[in-house]
Amino acid sequence: MFTLMEQKDKDLLLFVKFVSYNFLRPIEVCRLQVKDIDFADAKMNLRSKNKLVKIKIIPEILMKEIQHFKDLNPDFYLFAPNGANHWATDETNKRDYWSKRFKKVKDELGLGKDYGLYSFRHTFITKLYRELRTQYGQMETYDKLMLITGHTTLNALQQYLRDIDAELPEDYSHLLK
């Protein structure tokens, strides 16, 4: 899928990478403006709908791909229809625009309606969780994951991981004998 977006829609690919590598919700990506990116310290200010600001790191894998935004107008949105620019419409319209743009790629690959932009967040949190579990115990994995994903309580993280089936049990046949 990334290969197809690389060929057909590089802006969409970068949008998806923000969802995937920073574990953002698509609506949060739509809110990002150039002024929200701290290029020197690889951090971003993430505004929520209630205007609270959270600071998140930008991983190097993504930071190296966004340097072209550095000298743009600070008020430009990173993701507008024709690249970074002003975009005077509400957030729901912005998210819907990117969802429709993604649908074109999804349709070309024959993927169903269950697969959307938000799916990348689930997929990459699952991938990160499983990778961390190869190196750390469950509680240490939870601690590291909470810092990265922004879940504020262990309970919320555990529920999220259950909802997306991040960890499946080992075969339990021996318990049924």
Foldseek 3Di string as FASTA:
>chain_A
DLVVCVVPPVLLSLLLCCCQQQVDDSLQLQPAFLLQADLVQQWGWTQDPVRDTDIAHHDPVNSVVCVVSNPDDRGWRQDDPVGTGDDPDDSVVSSVVSFVVVVVVCVVVPHDPVDTSNVSSLVNLLVQLVVVVVPDPDVVSLVVSCNRNVDPDSVVVVVSCVVSVSDDDDDPVVVVD
